Amino acid sequence: PTSHEHNYGKGRLESECARMSAILRRLQGDDLLLMDESFSSTSLLEGGYIAGEVLRAIAVIGCGGVYVTHIHELTQQVGQFNAAPGRTGCIDNLVAQMESGADGTRSYRILRTTPDGLSYAKGIARKYGLSCEEILAGRSR
């Protein structure tokens, strides 16, 4: 069966969980797992729960990995992930710090630190005029 047939009738979260389950069943200690905003199709609470279970398992499996996420609550659980019985790996926090050059270019530095919990959504929304006042003021009459 094709990937499409496996996902028929499933929502985005269920499809993602099915794919993640298949990956984790085969994951070995010398593998590298890359996750980009996994489990973001549900609430932060539910996505955080699933991601926490996956990270706890990854700590035991001991593989390498990178998980890009806005579920900042996970950063407070790193100690719990690393205290998992049978753990062979280590979970850590890394933060991409953006720096803007005078010419408008952007560069990033990766730091080993706990994220500040901000995704800068308000600044991005303001940049594109997405406050209620700006939306209403910018509408054609």
N, C-alpha and C. Protein backbone atom coordinates (compact mmCIF):
# COMPACT_ATOMS: atom_id res chain seq x y z
N PRO A 1 0.83 -1.20 0.00
CA PRO A 1 0.00 0.00 0.00
C PRO A 1 0.87 1.26 0.00
N THR A 2 0.36 2.30 -0.61
CA THR A 2 1.08 3.57 -0.64
C THR A 2 0.92 4.29 0.69
N SER A 3 1.75 5.31 0.88
CA SER A 3 1.68 6.13 2.10
C SER A 3 0.30 6.75 2.21
N HIS A 4 -0.27 7.17 1.06
CA HIS A 4 -1.59 7.78 1.06
C HIS A 4 -2.64 6.81 1.58
N GLU A 5 -2.56 5.54 1.16
CA GLU A 5 -3.53 4.54 1.61
C GLU A 5 -3.41 4.30 3.11
N HIS A 6 -2.19 4.34 3.65
CA HIS A 6 -2.00 4.14 5.09
C HIS A 6 -2.62 5.28 5.89
N ASN A 7 -2.71 6.47 5.31
CA ASN A 7 -3.20 7.64 6.01
C ASN A 7 -4.67 7.94 5.75
N TYR A 8 -5.31 7.14 4.91
CA TYR A 8 -6.70 7.40 4.56
C TYR A 8 -7.57 7.40 5.81
N GLY A 9 -8.36 8.44 5.99
CA GLY A 9 -9.29 8.53 7.11
C GLY A 9 -8.65 9.00 8.41
N LYS A 10 -7.36 9.27 8.38
CA LYS A 10 -6.67 9.74 9.58
C LYS A 10 -6.48 11.25 9.50
N GLY A 11 -6.54 11.90 10.64
CA GLY A 11 -6.21 13.32 10.70
C GLY A 11 -4.71 13.50 10.70
N ARG A 12 -4.27 14.74 10.67
CA ARG A 12 -2.84 15.03 10.59
C ARG A 12 -2.09 14.47 11.80
N LEU A 13 -2.61 14.66 13.00
CA LEU A 13 -1.92 14.17 14.19
C LEU A 13 -1.83 12.65 14.18
N GLU A 14 -2.92 11.99 13.86
CA GLU A 14 -2.90 10.52 13.86
C GLU A 14 -1.93 9.98 12.81
N SER A 15 -1.90 10.60 11.63
CA SER A 15 -0.95 10.18 10.60
C SER A 15 0.48 10.37 11.06
N GLU A 16 0.73 11.51 11.70
CA GLU A 16 2.09 11.78 12.20
C GLU A 16 2.48 10.79 13.28
N CYS A 17 1.56 10.48 14.18
CA CYS A 17 1.85 9.52 15.25
C CYS A 17 2.12 8.13 14.67
N ALA A 18 1.37 7.75 13.65
CA ALA A 18 1.59 6.44 13.02
C ALA A 18 2.99 6.38 12.39
N ARG A 19 3.39 7.47 11.69
CA ARG A 19 4.73 7.51 11.08
C ARG A 19 5.82 7.49 12.15
N MET A 20 5.62 8.26 13.22
CA MET A 20 6.62 8.32 14.28
C MET A 20 6.76 6.96 14.96
N SER A 21 5.66 6.29 15.17
CA SER A 21 5.69 4.96 15.79
C SER A 21 6.52 3.99 14.94
N ALA A 22 6.31 4.03 13.63
CA ALA A 22 7.06 3.15 12.73
C ALA A 22 8.55 3.47 12.77
N ILE A 23 8.89 4.76 12.84
CA ILE A 23 10.30 5.17 12.91
C ILE A 23 10.93 4.70 14.21
N LEU A 24 10.24 4.92 15.33
CA LEU A 24 10.80 4.59 16.65
C LEU A 24 10.99 3.09 16.84
N ARG A 25 10.17 2.29 16.20
CA ARG A 25 10.32 0.83 16.30
C ARG A 25 11.65 0.36 15.71
N ARG A 26 12.17 1.11 14.70
CA ARG A 26 13.40 0.72 14.02
C ARG A 26 14.63 1.52 14.46
N LEU A 27 14.43 2.54 15.26
CA LEU A 27 15.51 3.45 15.63
C LEU A 27 16.57 2.74 16.47
N GLN A 28 17.83 2.96 16.10
CA GLN A 28 18.98 2.37 16.80
C GLN A 28 19.84 3.46 17.42
N GLY A 29 20.72 3.07 18.31
CA GLY A 29 21.56 4.02 19.02
C GLY A 29 22.49 4.84 18.14
N ASP A 30 22.84 4.35 16.95
CA ASP A 30 23.74 5.10 16.08
C ASP A 30 22.99 5.86 14.97
N ASP A 31 21.68 5.92 15.08
CA ASP A 31 20.86 6.66 14.11
C ASP A 31 20.77 8.14 14.51
N LEU A 32 20.34 8.96 13.56
CA LEU A 32 20.09 10.38 13.79
C LEU A 32 18.64 10.66 13.42
N LEU A 33 17.86 11.15 14.37
CA LEU A 33 16.45 11.44 14.15
C LEU A 33 16.26 12.95 14.09
N LEU A 34 15.68 13.43 12.99
CA LEU A 34 15.40 14.85 12.81
C LEU A 34 13.89 15.06 12.87
N MET A 35 13.45 15.95 13.74
CA MET A 35 12.02 16.25 13.88
C MET A 35 11.83 17.76 13.78
N ASP A 36 10.94 18.17 12.91
CA ASP A 36 10.68 19.60 12.69
C ASP A 36 9.24 19.90 13.10
N GLU A 37 9.10 20.49 14.26
CA GLU A 37 7.80 20.87 14.82
C GLU A 37 6.82 19.70 14.85
N SER A 38 7.34 18.54 15.20
CA SER A 38 6.49 17.36 15.34
C SER A 38 5.44 17.60 16.41
N PHE A 39 4.26 17.09 16.18
CA PHE A 39 3.11 17.14 17.10
C PHE A 39 2.56 18.55 17.29
N SER A 40 2.77 19.42 16.31
CA SER A 40 2.26 20.79 16.41
C SER A 40 0.83 20.91 15.86
N SER A 41 0.26 19.81 15.41
CA SER A 41 -1.09 19.87 14.85
C SER A 41 -2.16 19.70 15.92
N THR A 42 -1.76 19.66 17.18
CA THR A 42 -2.71 19.56 18.28
C THR A 42 -2.37 20.64 19.30
N SER A 43 -3.05 20.64 20.43
CA SER A 43 -2.78 21.66 21.44
C SER A 43 -1.37 21.51 22.00
N LEU A 44 -0.85 22.57 22.59
CA LEU A 44 0.48 22.50 23.20
C LEU A 44 0.51 21.45 24.29
N LEU A 45 -0.56 21.34 25.06
CA LEU A 45 -0.61 20.36 26.14
C LEU A 45 -0.51 18.94 25.60
N GLU A 46 -1.34 18.63 24.61
CA GLU A 46 -1.34 17.27 24.05
C GLU A 46 -0.06 16.99 23.26
N GLY A 47 0.38 17.97 22.45
CA GLY A 47 1.62 17.80 21.69
C GLY A 47 2.81 17.64 22.62
N GLY A 48 2.80 18.38 23.72
CA GLY A 48 3.88 18.27 24.70
C GLY A 48 3.91 16.92 25.37
N TYR A 49 2.72 16.37 25.63
CA TYR A 49 2.67 15.03 26.23
C TYR A 49 3.29 13.99 25.29
N ILE A 50 2.86 14.00 24.03
CA ILE A 50 3.37 13.01 23.07
C ILE A 50 4.87 13.21 22.86
N ALA A 51 5.29 14.45 22.67
CA ALA A 51 6.71 14.73 22.45
C ALA A 51 7.54 14.31 23.66
N GLY A 52 7.01 14.51 24.86
CA GLY A 52 7.72 14.10 26.07
C GLY A 52 7.93 12.60 26.12
N GLU A 53 6.94 11.84 25.73
CA GLU A 53 7.07 10.38 25.70
C GLU A 53 8.11 9.95 24.67
N VAL A 54 8.08 10.60 23.51
CA VAL A 54 9.05 10.28 22.46
C VAL A 54 10.46 10.64 22.92
N LEU A 55 10.65 11.80 23.52
CA LEU A 55 11.98 12.20 23.98
C LEU A 55 12.49 11.29 25.09
N ARG A 56 11.62 10.86 25.97
CA ARG A 56 12.02 9.92 27.03
C ARG A 56 12.52 8.62 26.40
N ALA A 57 11.82 8.12 25.38
CA ALA A 57 12.24 6.89 24.69
C ALA A 57 13.56 7.11 23.95
N ILE A 58 13.72 8.26 23.32
CA ILE A 58 14.95 8.55 22.60
C ILE A 58 16.14 8.58 23.55
N ALA A 59 15.94 9.10 24.78
CA ALA A 59 17.03 9.11 25.77
C ALA A 59 17.46 7.69 26.11
N VAL A 60 16.51 6.76 26.14
CA VAL A 60 16.84 5.37 26.45
C VAL A 60 17.51 4.71 25.24
N ILE A 61 16.98 4.96 24.04
CA ILE A 61 17.56 4.39 22.82
C ILE A 61 18.99 4.90 22.63
N GLY A 62 19.21 6.18 22.93
CA GLY A 62 20.54 6.75 22.87
C GLY A 62 20.98 7.24 21.51
N CYS A 63 20.05 7.42 20.59
CA CYS A 63 20.42 7.92 19.26
C CYS A 63 20.64 9.43 19.30
N GLY A 64 21.18 9.96 18.23
CA GLY A 64 21.30 11.40 18.09
C GLY A 64 20.03 11.97 17.52
N GLY A 65 19.85 13.24 17.69
CA GLY A 65 18.65 13.84 17.13
C GLY A 65 18.60 15.33 17.30
N VAL A 66 17.74 15.95 16.52
CA VAL A 66 17.44 17.36 16.62
C VAL A 66 15.93 17.48 16.55
N TYR A 67 15.37 18.20 17.51
CA TYR A 67 13.92 18.42 17.54
C TYR A 67 13.67 19.92 17.58
N VAL A 68 13.22 20.48 16.48
CA VAL A 68 12.85 21.88 16.40
C VAL A 68 11.40 21.98 16.85
N THR A 69 11.15 22.77 17.90
CA THR A 69 9.80 22.85 18.44
C THR A 69 9.55 24.19 19.11
N HIS A 70 8.28 24.54 19.17
CA HIS A 70 7.84 25.71 19.93
C HIS A 70 7.13 25.26 21.20
N ILE A 71 7.23 24.00 21.54
CA ILE A 71 6.65 23.50 22.78
C ILE A 71 7.70 23.74 23.87
N HIS A 72 7.78 24.98 24.31
CA HIS A 72 8.84 25.40 25.23
C HIS A 72 8.76 24.70 26.59
N GLU A 73 7.59 24.20 26.95
CA GLU A 73 7.46 23.50 28.23
C GLU A 73 8.35 22.26 28.30
N LEU A 74 8.69 21.69 27.16
CA LEU A 74 9.57 20.52 27.13
C LEU A 74 10.95 20.83 27.69
N THR A 75 11.39 22.08 27.56
CA THR A 75 12.73 22.43 28.03
C THR A 75 12.86 22.28 29.54
N GLN A 76 11.74 22.40 30.24
CA GLN A 76 11.76 22.26 31.69
C GLN A 76 11.81 20.79 32.12
N GLN A 77 11.62 19.87 31.19
CA GLN A 77 11.59 18.44 31.50
C GLN A 77 12.87 17.70 31.11
N VAL A 78 13.87 18.42 30.64
CA VAL A 78 15.10 17.78 30.18
C VAL A 78 15.70 16.89 31.27
N GLY A 79 15.71 17.37 32.50
CA GLY A 79 16.24 16.56 33.61
C GLY A 79 15.49 15.26 33.79
N GLN A 80 14.16 15.29 33.61
CA GLN A 80 13.36 14.07 33.72
C GLN A 80 13.68 13.10 32.58
N PHE A 81 13.84 13.62 31.38
CA PHE A 81 14.17 12.75 30.25
C PHE A 81 15.50 12.06 30.50
N ASN A 82 16.46 12.81 31.03
CA ASN A 82 17.79 12.26 31.26
C ASN A 82 17.85 11.35 32.49
N ALA A 83 16.81 11.36 33.31
CA ALA A 83 16.76 10.48 34.48
C ALA A 83 16.00 9.19 34.18
N ALA A 84 15.59 8.99 32.93
CA ALA A 84 14.82 7.80 32.56
C ALA A 84 15.62 6.54 32.85
N PRO A 85 15.00 5.54 33.48
CA PRO A 85 15.70 4.27 33.73
C PRO A 85 16.18 3.66 32.41
N GLY A 86 17.41 3.20 32.39
CA GLY A 86 17.96 2.57 31.18
C GLY A 86 18.50 3.56 30.18
N ARG A 87 18.56 4.83 30.53
CA ARG A 87 19.00 5.86 29.60
C ARG A 87 20.43 5.62 29.15
N THR A 88 20.65 5.72 27.84
CA THR A 88 22.00 5.63 27.28
C THR A 88 22.39 6.92 26.58
N GLY A 89 21.41 7.77 26.30
CA GLY A 89 21.66 9.04 25.60
C GLY A 89 21.42 10.21 26.52
N CYS A 90 21.56 11.41 25.97
CA CYS A 90 21.40 12.63 26.74
C CYS A 90 20.57 13.63 25.93
N ILE A 91 19.54 14.17 26.56
CA ILE A 91 18.72 15.22 25.94
C ILE A 91 19.27 16.55 26.42
N ASP A 92 19.37 17.53 25.53
CA ASP A 92 19.89 18.84 25.91
C ASP A 92 19.09 19.92 25.19
N ASN A 93 19.18 21.15 25.68
CA ASN A 93 18.53 22.29 25.05
C ASN A 93 19.53 23.05 24.20
N LEU A 94 19.13 23.36 22.98
CA LEU A 94 19.91 24.22 22.10
C LEU A 94 18.98 25.31 21.59
N VAL A 95 19.51 26.52 21.48
CA VAL A 95 18.71 27.65 21.03
C VAL A 95 19.40 28.29 19.84
N ALA A 96 18.64 28.57 18.80
CA ALA A 96 19.16 29.30 17.64
C ALA A 96 18.95 30.78 17.91
N GLN A 97 20.04 31.51 18.07
CA GLN A 97 19.97 32.95 18.34
C GLN A 97 20.21 33.67 17.02
N MET A 98 19.23 34.48 16.61
CA MET A 98 19.33 35.19 15.35
C MET A 98 20.05 36.52 15.55
N GLU A 99 20.92 36.84 14.62
CA GLU A 99 21.62 38.12 14.61
C GLU A 99 21.39 38.76 13.26
N SER A 100 20.99 40.02 13.27
CA SER A 100 20.76 40.75 12.01
C SER A 100 21.93 41.66 11.73
N GLY A 101 22.41 41.60 10.49
CA GLY A 101 23.49 42.48 10.07
C GLY A 101 22.96 43.83 9.64
N ALA A 102 23.83 44.82 9.56
CA ALA A 102 23.44 46.17 9.14
C ALA A 102 22.86 46.17 7.73
N ASP A 103 23.28 45.20 6.91
CA ASP A 103 22.79 45.13 5.53
C ASP A 103 21.51 44.32 5.39
N GLY A 104 20.91 43.93 6.54
CA GLY A 104 19.66 43.18 6.51
C GLY A 104 19.82 41.67 6.46
N THR A 105 21.06 41.20 6.38
CA THR A 105 21.28 39.76 6.38
C THR A 105 21.07 39.20 7.79
N ARG A 106 20.73 37.94 7.86
CA ARG A 106 20.55 37.27 9.14
C ARG A 106 21.54 36.13 9.26
N SER A 107 22.03 35.93 10.46
CA SER A 107 22.84 34.76 10.74
C SER A 107 22.37 34.20 12.08
N TYR A 108 22.71 32.96 12.31
CA TYR A 108 22.26 32.28 13.52
C TYR A 108 23.44 31.67 14.25
N ARG A 109 23.38 31.72 15.57
CA ARG A 109 24.34 31.02 16.42
C ARG A 109 23.55 30.01 17.23
N ILE A 110 24.07 28.82 17.35
CA ILE A 110 23.44 27.78 18.15
C ILE A 110 24.09 27.79 19.53
N LEU A 111 23.28 27.97 20.55
CA LEU A 111 23.76 28.05 21.92
C LEU A 111 23.19 26.91 22.75
N ARG A 112 23.99 26.37 23.66
CA ARG A 112 23.51 25.37 24.60
C ARG A 112 22.96 26.13 25.81
N THR A 113 21.66 26.35 25.80
CA THR A 113 20.99 27.10 26.86
C THR A 113 19.51 26.77 26.85
N THR A 114 18.81 27.19 27.87
CA THR A 114 17.37 26.98 27.93
C THR A 114 16.68 28.11 27.17
N PRO A 115 15.74 27.80 26.29
CA PRO A 115 15.03 28.84 25.54
C PRO A 115 14.29 29.79 26.49
N ASP A 116 14.10 31.02 26.03
CA ASP A 116 13.40 32.00 26.85
C ASP A 116 11.88 31.86 26.78
N GLY A 117 11.39 30.92 25.98
CA GLY A 117 9.95 30.69 25.90
C GLY A 117 9.23 31.61 24.94
N LEU A 118 9.97 32.44 24.23
CA LEU A 118 9.36 33.38 23.29
C LEU A 118 9.62 32.92 21.87
N SER A 119 8.60 32.94 21.06
CA SER A 119 8.75 32.62 19.65
C SER A 119 8.64 33.87 18.80
N TYR A 120 8.53 35.02 19.45
CA TYR A 120 8.50 36.31 18.80
C TYR A 120 7.31 36.48 17.87
N ALA A 121 6.22 35.82 18.20
CA ALA A 121 5.01 35.89 17.38
C ALA A 121 4.43 37.29 17.33
N LYS A 122 4.44 38.00 18.45
CA LYS A 122 3.86 39.35 18.46
C LYS A 122 4.63 40.27 17.52
N GLY A 123 5.95 40.20 17.54
CA GLY A 123 6.75 41.04 16.65
C GLY A 123 6.52 40.72 15.19
N ILE A 124 6.42 39.44 14.88
CA ILE A 124 6.16 39.02 13.50
C ILE A 124 4.77 39.48 13.06
N ALA A 125 3.78 39.31 13.94
CA ALA A 125 2.42 39.75 13.61
C ALA A 125 2.38 41.26 13.38
N ARG A 126 3.07 42.03 14.23
CA ARG A 126 3.12 43.48 14.06
C ARG A 126 3.77 43.85 12.74
N LYS A 127 4.82 43.13 12.37
CA LYS A 127 5.53 43.42 11.12
C LYS A 127 4.58 43.35 9.92
N TYR A 128 3.62 42.45 9.98
CA TYR A 128 2.68 42.26 8.87
C TYR A 128 1.32 42.87 9.13
N GLY A 129 1.23 43.75 10.15
CA GLY A 129 -0.01 44.46 10.41
C GLY A 129 -1.15 43.58 10.86
N LEU A 130 -0.85 42.58 11.69
CA LEU A 130 -1.89 41.64 12.10
C LEU A 130 -2.42 41.87 13.51
N SER A 131 -2.38 43.12 13.97
CA SER A 131 -3.15 43.44 15.18
C SER A 131 -4.57 43.75 14.71
N CYS A 132 -5.51 43.62 15.57
CA CYS A 132 -6.90 43.88 15.19
C CYS A 132 -7.04 45.30 14.63
N GLU A 133 -6.43 46.27 15.30
CA GLU A 133 -6.52 47.66 14.87
C GLU A 133 -5.95 47.85 13.47
N GLU A 134 -4.77 47.25 13.21
CA GLU A 134 -4.13 47.41 11.90
C GLU A 134 -4.93 46.71 10.80
N ILE A 135 -5.48 45.57 11.12
CA ILE A 135 -6.30 44.86 10.13
C ILE A 135 -7.49 45.70 9.73
N LEU A 136 -8.20 46.24 10.73
CA LEU A 136 -9.39 47.03 10.46
C LEU A 136 -9.05 48.34 9.77
N ALA A 137 -7.93 48.98 10.16
CA ALA A 137 -7.53 50.23 9.55
C ALA A 137 -7.10 50.03 8.10
N GLY A 138 -6.55 48.88 7.77
CA GLY A 138 -6.04 48.63 6.43
C GLY A 138 -7.05 48.07 5.45
N ARG A 139 -8.27 47.82 5.92
CA ARG A 139 -9.29 47.25 5.02
C ARG A 139 -9.79 48.30 4.03
N SER A 140 -10.04 47.85 2.81
CA SER A 140 -10.61 48.75 1.80
C SER A 140 -12.05 49.03 2.17
N ARG A 141 -12.43 50.21 2.00
CA ARG A 141 -13.82 50.57 2.35
C ARG A 141 -14.66 50.65 1.13
